[in-house]
Amino acid sequence: MLTLLKSWVRPDAFHAVLNERSVRWYNACLRITRDADLAADAVQEALLKAWNHRDEFRGEAALDSWIHRIALNAAIDLTRRRKRRAEDELDPESFEAGPTSSAESQYVEQAFGKDLSTAMQRLSTKERQIFLLKHVEGWRLEEVAESLQMPIGSVKNSLFRAVRKLRVDLQVWRGEHD
């Protein structure tokens, strides 16, 4: 059993996971950092950390999930270390979207992406990180609090404020899509 759990430590198995999932990890880090170079750095840092700590992988989660978590934590750490710049923009294309069926739906999707980007920019860094970790990445509140080194009550308050701000900013979209 241990051999099966540790089989990914072979370079060829590691590279297979890397080739299959690196875009997903990058997109998740991009949503956190809002900077393409910083997101790439976070993924690279995560992969190095995963490889260097491969003997600690216990197989309790899928390898993809384990590396994904390491990448998100790296993105959060890099964001913490870097001063926020006023002109940073969240690229609406960083939100993975499904295929569109018509020009009209593509226009609506692009308009919503732009409005969502603007709304996300209005959130504080902490509110944005907490919202993305909870609602996009699906983390439990306890995991968010631990990762951001915040009390759970503060995480809940920040999440509440983020959702409230997004509801106000995106209210125009609620009428058509309720």
N, C-alpha and C. Protein backbone atom coordinates (compact mmCIF):
# COMPACT_ATOMS: atom_id res chain seq x y z
N MET A 1 0.83 -1.20 0.00
CA MET A 1 0.00 0.00 0.00
C MET A 1 0.87 1.26 0.00
N LEU A 2 1.89 1.29 0.86
CA LEU A 2 2.77 2.44 0.93
C LEU A 2 3.44 2.69 -0.43
N THR A 3 3.80 1.62 -1.11
CA THR A 3 4.41 1.76 -2.43
C THR A 3 3.46 2.44 -3.40
N LEU A 4 2.18 2.08 -3.34
CA LEU A 4 1.20 2.71 -4.22
C LEU A 4 1.04 4.19 -3.91
N LEU A 5 1.01 4.54 -2.63
CA LEU A 5 0.86 5.94 -2.24
C LEU A 5 2.07 6.76 -2.65
N LYS A 6 3.24 6.16 -2.59
CA LYS A 6 4.47 6.89 -2.87
C LYS A 6 4.91 6.75 -4.33
N SER A 7 4.11 6.10 -5.16
CA SER A 7 4.53 5.85 -6.54
C SER A 7 4.71 7.14 -7.33
N TRP A 8 4.07 8.21 -6.93
CA TRP A 8 4.18 9.46 -7.67
C TRP A 8 5.54 10.10 -7.53
N VAL A 9 6.35 9.67 -6.56
CA VAL A 9 7.65 10.29 -6.36
C VAL A 9 8.60 10.01 -7.51
N ARG A 10 8.27 9.05 -8.36
CA ARG A 10 9.07 8.82 -9.55
C ARG A 10 8.97 10.07 -10.42
N PRO A 11 10.04 10.50 -10.99
CA PRO A 11 9.99 11.73 -11.81
C PRO A 11 8.95 11.68 -12.93
N ASP A 12 8.79 10.53 -13.58
CA ASP A 12 7.82 10.46 -14.67
C ASP A 12 6.40 10.63 -14.17
N ALA A 13 6.07 10.08 -13.00
CA ALA A 13 4.73 10.24 -12.43
C ALA A 13 4.50 11.68 -11.98
N PHE A 14 5.51 12.28 -11.39
CA PHE A 14 5.41 13.67 -10.96
C PHE A 14 5.17 14.57 -12.16
N HIS A 15 5.91 14.34 -13.24
CA HIS A 15 5.75 15.16 -14.45
C HIS A 15 4.38 14.96 -15.09
N ALA A 16 3.83 13.77 -14.99
CA ALA A 16 2.50 13.53 -15.54
C ALA A 16 1.46 14.37 -14.82
N VAL A 17 1.53 14.41 -13.49
CA VAL A 17 0.60 15.24 -12.71
C VAL A 17 0.84 16.71 -13.02
N LEU A 18 2.08 17.09 -13.12
CA LEU A 18 2.43 18.47 -13.44
C LEU A 18 1.83 18.89 -14.78
N ASN A 19 2.00 18.09 -15.80
CA ASN A 19 1.49 18.42 -17.13
C ASN A 19 -0.04 18.49 -17.15
N GLU A 20 -0.67 17.63 -16.39
CA GLU A 20 -2.13 17.56 -16.40
C GLU A 20 -2.79 18.69 -15.61
N ARG A 21 -2.18 19.13 -14.52
CA ARG A 21 -2.87 20.04 -13.60
C ARG A 21 -2.23 21.41 -13.42
N SER A 22 -1.10 21.69 -14.02
CA SER A 22 -0.41 22.95 -13.74
C SER A 22 -1.23 24.18 -14.14
N VAL A 23 -2.02 24.09 -15.19
CA VAL A 23 -2.85 25.23 -15.60
C VAL A 23 -3.89 25.53 -14.52
N ARG A 24 -4.48 24.50 -13.94
CA ARG A 24 -5.46 24.67 -12.86
C ARG A 24 -4.82 25.36 -11.66
N TRP A 25 -3.64 24.93 -11.28
CA TRP A 25 -2.95 25.54 -10.14
C TRP A 25 -2.61 26.99 -10.44
N TYR A 26 -2.15 27.24 -11.66
CA TYR A 26 -1.80 28.60 -12.05
C TYR A 26 -3.03 29.51 -11.99
N ASN A 27 -4.16 29.07 -12.55
CA ASN A 27 -5.38 29.88 -12.55
C ASN A 27 -5.83 30.19 -11.12
N ALA A 28 -5.74 29.21 -10.24
CA ALA A 28 -6.12 29.43 -8.84
C ALA A 28 -5.19 30.46 -8.19
N CYS A 29 -3.90 30.35 -8.45
CA CYS A 29 -2.95 31.30 -7.88
C CYS A 29 -3.14 32.69 -8.48
N LEU A 30 -3.50 32.74 -9.76
CA LEU A 30 -3.74 34.03 -10.40
C LEU A 30 -4.94 34.74 -9.77
N ARG A 31 -5.97 33.99 -9.42
CA ARG A 31 -7.13 34.61 -8.76
C ARG A 31 -6.74 35.17 -7.40
N ILE A 32 -5.81 34.55 -6.73
CA ILE A 32 -5.36 35.03 -5.41
C ILE A 32 -4.43 36.24 -5.56
N THR A 33 -3.44 36.12 -6.43
CA THR A 33 -2.40 37.15 -6.52
C THR A 33 -2.75 38.33 -7.41
N ARG A 34 -3.58 38.09 -8.43
CA ARG A 34 -3.93 39.10 -9.43
C ARG A 34 -2.71 39.56 -10.21
N ASP A 35 -1.69 38.73 -10.30
CA ASP A 35 -0.46 39.06 -11.00
C ASP A 35 0.08 37.78 -11.64
N ALA A 36 0.25 37.82 -12.96
CA ALA A 36 0.67 36.63 -13.69
C ALA A 36 2.03 36.12 -13.24
N ASP A 37 2.99 37.02 -13.05
CA ASP A 37 4.32 36.60 -12.63
C ASP A 37 4.30 36.02 -11.21
N LEU A 38 3.55 36.66 -10.34
CA LEU A 38 3.45 36.18 -8.97
C LEU A 38 2.76 34.81 -8.92
N ALA A 39 1.75 34.63 -9.75
CA ALA A 39 1.06 33.33 -9.82
C ALA A 39 2.01 32.25 -10.31
N ALA A 40 2.80 32.56 -11.33
CA ALA A 40 3.77 31.59 -11.84
C ALA A 40 4.81 31.26 -10.77
N ASP A 41 5.25 32.28 -10.04
CA ASP A 41 6.20 32.05 -8.95
C ASP A 41 5.59 31.16 -7.87
N ALA A 42 4.33 31.37 -7.56
CA ALA A 42 3.66 30.56 -6.54
C ALA A 42 3.59 29.10 -6.96
N VAL A 43 3.25 28.86 -8.21
CA VAL A 43 3.19 27.47 -8.70
C VAL A 43 4.57 26.84 -8.66
N GLN A 44 5.57 27.58 -9.12
CA GLN A 44 6.93 27.05 -9.11
C GLN A 44 7.37 26.74 -7.68
N GLU A 45 7.10 27.65 -6.77
CA GLU A 45 7.45 27.43 -5.36
C GLU A 45 6.72 26.21 -4.80
N ALA A 46 5.46 26.06 -5.16
CA ALA A 46 4.67 24.92 -4.69
C ALA A 46 5.23 23.60 -5.22
N LEU A 47 5.59 23.59 -6.47
CA LEU A 47 6.13 22.36 -7.07
C LEU A 47 7.46 21.97 -6.44
N LEU A 48 8.30 22.97 -6.21
CA LEU A 48 9.57 22.69 -5.54
C LEU A 48 9.35 22.16 -4.13
N LYS A 49 8.42 22.80 -3.44
CA LYS A 49 8.12 22.36 -2.07
C LYS A 49 7.53 20.95 -2.07
N ALA A 50 6.62 20.68 -3.00
CA ALA A 50 6.02 19.34 -3.09
C ALA A 50 7.09 18.30 -3.39
N TRP A 51 7.97 18.61 -4.32
CA TRP A 51 9.01 17.65 -4.67
C TRP A 51 9.97 17.44 -3.49
N ASN A 52 10.37 18.52 -2.84
CA ASN A 52 11.31 18.40 -1.72
C ASN A 52 10.69 17.72 -0.50
N HIS A 53 9.36 17.77 -0.39
CA HIS A 53 8.67 17.17 0.75
C HIS A 53 7.85 15.95 0.32
N ARG A 54 8.20 15.35 -0.79
CA ARG A 54 7.42 14.24 -1.33
C ARG A 54 7.31 13.07 -0.36
N ASP A 55 8.29 12.91 0.51
CA ASP A 55 8.22 11.81 1.48
C ASP A 55 7.17 12.06 2.56
N GLU A 56 6.69 13.31 2.67
CA GLU A 56 5.67 13.65 3.66
C GLU A 56 4.25 13.46 3.11
N PHE A 57 4.13 13.21 1.81
CA PHE A 57 2.80 12.99 1.21
C PHE A 57 2.25 11.68 1.77
N ARG A 58 1.09 11.79 2.46
CA ARG A 58 0.51 10.63 3.13
C ARG A 58 -0.59 9.97 2.33
N GLY A 59 -1.02 10.57 1.26
CA GLY A 59 -2.06 9.96 0.44
C GLY A 59 -3.46 10.14 0.99
N GLU A 60 -3.63 11.01 2.00
CA GLU A 60 -4.96 11.25 2.57
C GLU A 60 -5.83 12.03 1.59
N ALA A 61 -5.20 12.80 0.74
CA ALA A 61 -5.89 13.54 -0.31
C ALA A 61 -5.25 13.14 -1.63
N ALA A 62 -5.89 13.50 -2.73
CA ALA A 62 -5.29 13.25 -4.03
C ALA A 62 -4.04 14.10 -4.18
N LEU A 63 -3.10 13.62 -4.94
CA LEU A 63 -1.87 14.36 -5.17
C LEU A 63 -2.17 15.75 -5.71
N ASP A 64 -3.09 15.82 -6.65
CA ASP A 64 -3.49 17.10 -7.23
C ASP A 64 -3.97 18.06 -6.14
N SER A 65 -4.80 17.58 -5.24
CA SER A 65 -5.32 18.43 -4.15
C SER A 65 -4.21 18.88 -3.22
N TRP A 66 -3.28 17.98 -2.94
CA TRP A 66 -2.17 18.29 -2.05
C TRP A 66 -1.33 19.42 -2.64
N ILE A 67 -0.97 19.31 -3.92
CA ILE A 67 -0.16 20.33 -4.56
C ILE A 67 -0.98 21.62 -4.73
N HIS A 68 -2.27 21.49 -5.03
CA HIS A 68 -3.14 22.66 -5.18
C HIS A 68 -3.14 23.48 -3.89
N ARG A 69 -3.25 22.81 -2.78
CA ARG A 69 -3.25 23.49 -1.48
C ARG A 69 -1.91 24.18 -1.23
N ILE A 70 -0.82 23.49 -1.56
CA ILE A 70 0.51 24.09 -1.39
C ILE A 70 0.63 25.33 -2.27
N ALA A 71 0.12 25.26 -3.50
CA ALA A 71 0.19 26.40 -4.43
C ALA A 71 -0.61 27.58 -3.91
N LEU A 72 -1.81 27.33 -3.40
CA LEU A 72 -2.62 28.43 -2.87
C LEU A 72 -1.96 29.08 -1.67
N ASN A 73 -1.39 28.26 -0.79
CA ASN A 73 -0.68 28.82 0.36
C ASN A 73 0.53 29.63 -0.09
N ALA A 74 1.22 29.17 -1.13
CA ALA A 74 2.36 29.92 -1.66
C ALA A 74 1.88 31.26 -2.24
N ALA A 75 0.76 31.24 -2.95
CA ALA A 75 0.21 32.48 -3.51
C ALA A 75 -0.15 33.47 -2.41
N ILE A 76 -0.76 32.98 -1.36
CA ILE A 76 -1.12 33.84 -0.23
C ILE A 76 0.14 34.42 0.41
N ASP A 77 1.15 33.58 0.61
CA ASP A 77 2.40 34.06 1.22
C ASP A 77 3.09 35.11 0.34
N LEU A 78 3.13 34.86 -0.96
CA LEU A 78 3.76 35.83 -1.87
C LEU A 78 2.99 37.14 -1.90
N THR A 79 1.67 37.05 -1.86
CA THR A 79 0.84 38.26 -1.85
C THR A 79 1.07 39.05 -0.58
N ARG A 80 1.20 38.34 0.52
CA ARG A 80 1.47 38.99 1.80
C ARG A 80 2.76 39.79 1.76
N ARG A 81 3.76 39.22 1.08
CA ARG A 81 5.08 39.85 1.05
C ARG A 81 5.16 41.02 0.08
N ARG A 82 4.24 41.10 -0.81
CA ARG A 82 4.30 42.13 -1.85
C ARG A 82 3.30 43.24 -1.57
N LYS A 83 3.71 44.46 -1.73
CA LYS A 83 2.78 45.57 -1.55
C LYS A 83 1.77 45.56 -2.68
N ARG A 84 0.56 45.89 -2.31
CA ARG A 84 -0.50 45.95 -3.31
C ARG A 84 -0.34 47.23 -4.14
N ARG A 85 -0.40 47.08 -5.45
CA ARG A 85 -0.30 48.22 -6.33
C ARG A 85 -1.69 48.67 -6.75
N ALA A 86 -1.89 49.97 -6.84
CA ALA A 86 -3.21 50.52 -7.15
C ALA A 86 -3.68 50.14 -8.54
N GLU A 87 -2.76 50.01 -9.50
CA GLU A 87 -3.19 49.74 -10.86
C GLU A 87 -3.37 48.26 -11.18
N ASP A 88 -3.19 47.37 -10.22
CA ASP A 88 -3.41 45.94 -10.47
C ASP A 88 -4.84 45.69 -10.91
N GLU A 89 -5.01 44.85 -11.86
CA GLU A 89 -6.35 44.49 -12.34
C GLU A 89 -6.50 42.99 -12.30
N LEU A 90 -7.69 42.53 -11.98
CA LEU A 90 -8.01 41.12 -12.04
C LEU A 90 -8.52 40.84 -13.44
N ASP A 91 -7.86 39.96 -14.15
CA ASP A 91 -8.23 39.62 -15.52
C ASP A 91 -9.48 38.76 -15.52
N PRO A 92 -10.57 39.22 -16.14
CA PRO A 92 -11.80 38.42 -16.16
C PRO A 92 -11.59 37.06 -16.79
N GLU A 93 -10.59 36.93 -17.68
CA GLU A 93 -10.34 35.64 -18.31
C GLU A 93 -9.73 34.64 -17.34
N SER A 94 -9.24 35.11 -16.18
CA SER A 94 -8.68 34.17 -15.21
C SER A 94 -9.75 33.32 -14.55
N PHE A 95 -11.00 33.75 -14.65
CA PHE A 95 -12.10 32.93 -14.16
C PHE A 95 -12.46 31.95 -15.25
N GLU A 96 -12.30 30.67 -14.95
CA GLU A 96 -12.56 29.65 -15.96
C GLU A 96 -14.04 29.66 -16.31
N ALA A 97 -14.32 29.73 -17.58
CA ALA A 97 -15.70 29.77 -18.04
C ALA A 97 -15.92 28.68 -19.07
N GLY A 98 -17.12 28.18 -19.12
CA GLY A 98 -17.47 27.15 -20.09
C GLY A 98 -17.70 27.75 -21.46
N PRO A 99 -17.85 26.90 -22.45
CA PRO A 99 -18.06 27.40 -23.80
C PRO A 99 -19.39 28.13 -23.92
N THR A 100 -19.46 29.10 -24.81
CA THR A 100 -20.69 29.85 -25.01
C THR A 100 -21.36 29.37 -26.28
N SER A 101 -22.67 29.53 -26.32
CA SER A 101 -23.42 29.00 -27.45
C SER A 101 -23.75 30.06 -28.49
N SER A 102 -23.62 31.34 -28.14
CA SER A 102 -23.96 32.37 -29.11
C SER A 102 -23.17 33.63 -28.83
N ALA A 103 -23.19 34.52 -29.81
CA ALA A 103 -22.49 35.79 -29.64
C ALA A 103 -23.08 36.59 -28.49
N GLU A 104 -24.41 36.53 -28.36
CA GLU A 104 -25.07 37.26 -27.27
C GLU A 104 -24.63 36.73 -25.91
N SER A 105 -24.61 35.42 -25.75
CA SER A 105 -24.21 34.86 -24.45
C SER A 105 -22.74 35.13 -24.18
N GLN A 106 -21.93 35.16 -25.24
CA GLN A 106 -20.52 35.49 -25.06
C GLN A 106 -20.37 36.95 -24.61
N TYR A 107 -21.16 37.83 -25.18
CA TYR A 107 -21.14 39.23 -24.77
C TYR A 107 -21.56 39.37 -23.31
N VAL A 108 -22.63 38.69 -22.93
CA VAL A 108 -23.13 38.74 -21.56
C VAL A 108 -22.05 38.21 -20.61
N GLU A 109 -21.41 37.11 -20.99
CA GLU A 109 -20.36 36.52 -20.16
C GLU A 109 -19.19 37.48 -19.99
N GLN A 110 -18.80 38.15 -21.07
CA GLN A 110 -17.70 39.12 -20.99
C GLN A 110 -18.10 40.33 -20.14
N ALA A 111 -19.33 40.79 -20.28
CA ALA A 111 -19.80 41.92 -19.48
C ALA A 111 -19.83 41.56 -18.00
N PHE A 112 -20.32 40.35 -17.71
CA PHE A 112 -20.35 39.91 -16.32
C PHE A 112 -18.92 39.77 -15.78
N GLY A 113 -18.02 39.21 -16.59
CA GLY A 113 -16.63 39.08 -16.17
C GLY A 113 -16.00 40.42 -15.84
N LYS A 114 -16.30 41.42 -16.64
CA LYS A 114 -15.77 42.76 -16.39
C LYS A 114 -16.35 43.34 -15.10
N ASP A 115 -17.66 43.19 -14.92
CA ASP A 115 -18.30 43.68 -13.69
C ASP A 115 -17.78 42.94 -12.47
N LEU A 116 -17.59 41.64 -12.61
CA LEU A 116 -17.06 40.85 -11.50
C LEU A 116 -15.64 41.28 -11.17
N SER A 117 -14.84 41.51 -12.19
CA SER A 117 -13.47 41.98 -11.98
C SER A 117 -13.45 43.29 -11.21
N THR A 118 -14.30 44.22 -11.64
CA THR A 118 -14.39 45.51 -10.97
C THR A 118 -14.83 45.35 -9.52
N ALA A 119 -15.83 44.50 -9.31
CA ALA A 119 -16.34 44.26 -7.95
C ALA A 119 -15.26 43.62 -7.07
N MET A 120 -14.50 42.67 -7.63
CA MET A 120 -13.45 42.00 -6.86
C MET A 120 -12.34 42.99 -6.50
N GLN A 121 -12.07 43.95 -7.38
CA GLN A 121 -11.04 44.96 -7.09
C GLN A 121 -11.44 45.83 -5.91
N ARG A 122 -12.71 46.00 -5.70
CA ARG A 122 -13.17 46.86 -4.60
C ARG A 122 -13.05 46.18 -3.24
N LEU A 123 -12.86 44.87 -3.26
CA LEU A 123 -12.67 44.15 -1.99
C LEU A 123 -11.26 44.41 -1.48
N SER A 124 -11.11 44.37 -0.17
CA SER A 124 -9.77 44.46 0.39
C SER A 124 -9.03 43.15 0.03
N THR A 125 -7.73 43.17 0.17
CA THR A 125 -6.93 41.98 -0.14
C THR A 125 -7.42 40.78 0.69
N LYS A 126 -7.63 40.98 1.97
CA LYS A 126 -8.09 39.89 2.84
C LYS A 126 -9.48 39.41 2.42
N GLU A 127 -10.39 40.33 2.15
CA GLU A 127 -11.74 39.94 1.74
C GLU A 127 -11.70 39.13 0.45
N ARG A 128 -10.88 39.57 -0.50
CA ARG A 128 -10.78 38.86 -1.78
C ARG A 128 -10.19 37.46 -1.57
N GLN A 129 -9.12 37.37 -0.80
CA GLN A 129 -8.50 36.07 -0.54
C GLN A 129 -9.48 35.12 0.14
N ILE A 130 -10.16 35.60 1.16
CA ILE A 130 -11.09 34.76 1.91
C ILE A 130 -12.24 34.33 1.01
N PHE A 131 -12.80 35.26 0.24
CA PHE A 131 -13.90 34.92 -0.65
C PHE A 131 -13.47 33.85 -1.66
N LEU A 132 -12.32 34.03 -2.28
CA LEU A 132 -11.85 33.08 -3.28
C LEU A 132 -11.56 31.71 -2.67
N LEU A 133 -10.91 31.70 -1.52
CA LEU A 133 -10.61 30.42 -0.89
C LEU A 133 -11.89 29.67 -0.49
N LYS A 134 -12.86 30.40 0.02
CA LYS A 134 -14.10 29.76 0.47
C LYS A 134 -15.01 29.38 -0.70
N HIS A 135 -15.29 30.32 -1.58
CA HIS A 135 -16.32 30.10 -2.59
C HIS A 135 -15.81 29.61 -3.94
N VAL A 136 -14.56 29.87 -4.27
CA VAL A 136 -14.03 29.38 -5.53
C VAL A 136 -13.25 28.08 -5.31
N GLU A 137 -12.42 28.07 -4.28
CA GLU A 137 -11.61 26.88 -4.02
C GLU A 137 -12.31 25.86 -3.13
N GLY A 138 -13.38 26.27 -2.44
CA GLY A 138 -14.15 25.33 -1.64
C GLY A 138 -13.54 24.96 -0.30
N TRP A 139 -12.70 25.81 0.25
CA TRP A 139 -12.09 25.52 1.54
C TRP A 139 -13.11 25.71 2.66
N ARG A 140 -12.93 24.97 3.74
CA ARG A 140 -13.73 25.18 4.94
C ARG A 140 -13.21 26.44 5.65
N LEU A 141 -14.08 27.09 6.41
CA LEU A 141 -13.69 28.32 7.11
C LEU A 141 -12.48 28.10 8.02
N GLU A 142 -12.43 26.95 8.66
CA GLU A 142 -11.31 26.63 9.55
C GLU A 142 -10.00 26.58 8.77
N GLU A 143 -10.05 26.03 7.55
CA GLU A 143 -8.86 25.95 6.72
C GLU A 143 -8.41 27.35 6.27
N VAL A 144 -9.37 28.19 5.94
CA VAL A 144 -9.05 29.56 5.54
C VAL A 144 -8.39 30.30 6.71
N ALA A 145 -8.98 30.17 7.88
CA ALA A 145 -8.44 30.84 9.06
C ALA A 145 -7.02 30.38 9.36
N GLU A 146 -6.80 29.09 9.28
CA GLU A 146 -5.46 28.56 9.55
C GLU A 146 -4.46 29.05 8.51
N SER A 147 -4.84 29.01 7.25
CA SER A 147 -3.93 29.40 6.17
C SER A 147 -3.58 30.88 6.25
N LEU A 148 -4.55 31.73 6.56
CA LEU A 148 -4.32 33.17 6.64
C LEU A 148 -3.87 33.62 8.03
N GLN A 149 -3.77 32.67 8.95
CA GLN A 149 -3.35 32.95 10.33
C GLN A 149 -4.22 34.04 10.94
N MET A 150 -5.54 33.80 10.87
CA MET A 150 -6.53 34.73 11.40
C MET A 150 -7.50 33.97 12.30
N PRO A 151 -8.09 34.64 13.28
CA PRO A 151 -9.14 34.00 14.07
C PRO A 151 -10.35 33.71 13.17
N ILE A 152 -11.05 32.64 13.45
CA ILE A 152 -12.19 32.25 12.62
C ILE A 152 -13.26 33.34 12.59
N GLY A 153 -13.44 34.04 13.69
CA GLY A 153 -14.42 35.13 13.72
C GLY A 153 -14.08 36.23 12.73
N SER A 154 -12.80 36.54 12.62
CA SER A 154 -12.36 37.56 11.66
C SER A 154 -12.58 37.09 10.22
N VAL A 155 -12.35 35.80 9.99
CA VAL A 155 -12.58 35.24 8.65
C VAL A 155 -14.06 35.34 8.31
N LYS A 156 -14.93 34.98 9.25
CA LYS A 156 -16.37 35.05 9.01
C LYS A 156 -16.82 36.48 8.73
N ASN A 157 -16.30 37.44 9.51
CA ASN A 157 -16.66 38.85 9.30
C ASN A 157 -16.19 39.35 7.95
N SER A 158 -14.96 39.00 7.57
CA SER A 158 -14.44 39.42 6.27
C SER A 158 -15.22 38.80 5.13
N LEU A 159 -15.59 37.54 5.27
CA LEU A 159 -16.37 36.86 4.25
C LEU A 159 -17.75 37.51 4.12
N PHE A 160 -18.36 37.83 5.24
CA PHE A 160 -19.67 38.50 5.23
C PHE A 160 -19.58 39.83 4.51
N ARG A 161 -18.54 40.63 4.83
CA ARG A 161 -18.37 41.93 4.18
C ARG A 161 -18.13 41.76 2.67
N ALA A 162 -17.33 40.78 2.30
CA ALA A 162 -17.04 40.55 0.88
C ALA A 162 -18.31 40.19 0.12
N VAL A 163 -19.09 39.28 0.66
CA VAL A 163 -20.32 38.86 -0.01
C VAL A 163 -21.29 40.04 -0.11
N ARG A 164 -21.39 40.81 0.95
CA ARG A 164 -22.28 41.97 0.94
C ARG A 164 -21.86 42.97 -0.14
N LYS A 165 -20.57 43.26 -0.23
CA LYS A 165 -20.06 44.19 -1.23
C LYS A 165 -20.31 43.66 -2.64
N LEU A 166 -20.07 42.37 -2.85
CA LEU A 166 -20.27 41.79 -4.18
C LEU A 166 -21.75 41.80 -4.56
N ARG A 167 -22.63 41.54 -3.59
CA ARG A 167 -24.07 41.60 -3.88
C ARG A 167 -24.50 42.98 -4.33
N VAL A 168 -23.98 43.99 -3.66
CA VAL A 168 -24.32 45.37 -4.03
C VAL A 168 -23.77 45.69 -5.42
N ASP A 169 -22.50 45.38 -5.65
CA ASP A 169 -21.86 45.70 -6.92
C ASP A 169 -22.43 44.92 -8.10
N LEU A 170 -22.93 43.72 -7.84
CA LEU A 170 -23.44 42.87 -8.93
C LEU A 170 -24.96 42.77 -8.92
N GLN A 171 -25.61 43.67 -8.21
CA GLN A 171 -27.06 43.65 -8.09
C GLN A 171 -27.76 43.70 -9.42
N VAL A 172 -27.20 44.41 -10.38
CA VAL A 172 -27.83 44.52 -11.69
C VAL A 172 -27.98 43.13 -12.34
N TRP A 173 -27.12 42.20 -12.01
CA TRP A 173 -27.17 40.86 -12.59
C TRP A 173 -28.16 39.96 -11.88
N ARG A 174 -28.58 40.30 -10.70
CA ARG A 174 -29.50 39.45 -9.93
C ARG A 174 -30.88 39.41 -10.53
N GLY A 175 -31.36 40.52 -11.06
CA GLY A 175 -32.73 40.58 -11.59
C GLY A 175 -32.96 39.62 -12.75
N GLU A 176 -31.98 39.51 -13.65
CA GLU A 176 -32.11 38.67 -14.82
C GLU A 176 -31.84 37.20 -14.52
N HIS A 177 -31.10 36.93 -13.48
CA HIS A 177 -30.60 35.57 -13.27
C HIS A 177 -31.09 34.94 -11.98
N ASP A 178 -32.15 35.48 -11.35
CA ASP A 178 -32.67 34.89 -10.11
C ASP A 178 -33.41 33.60 -10.39
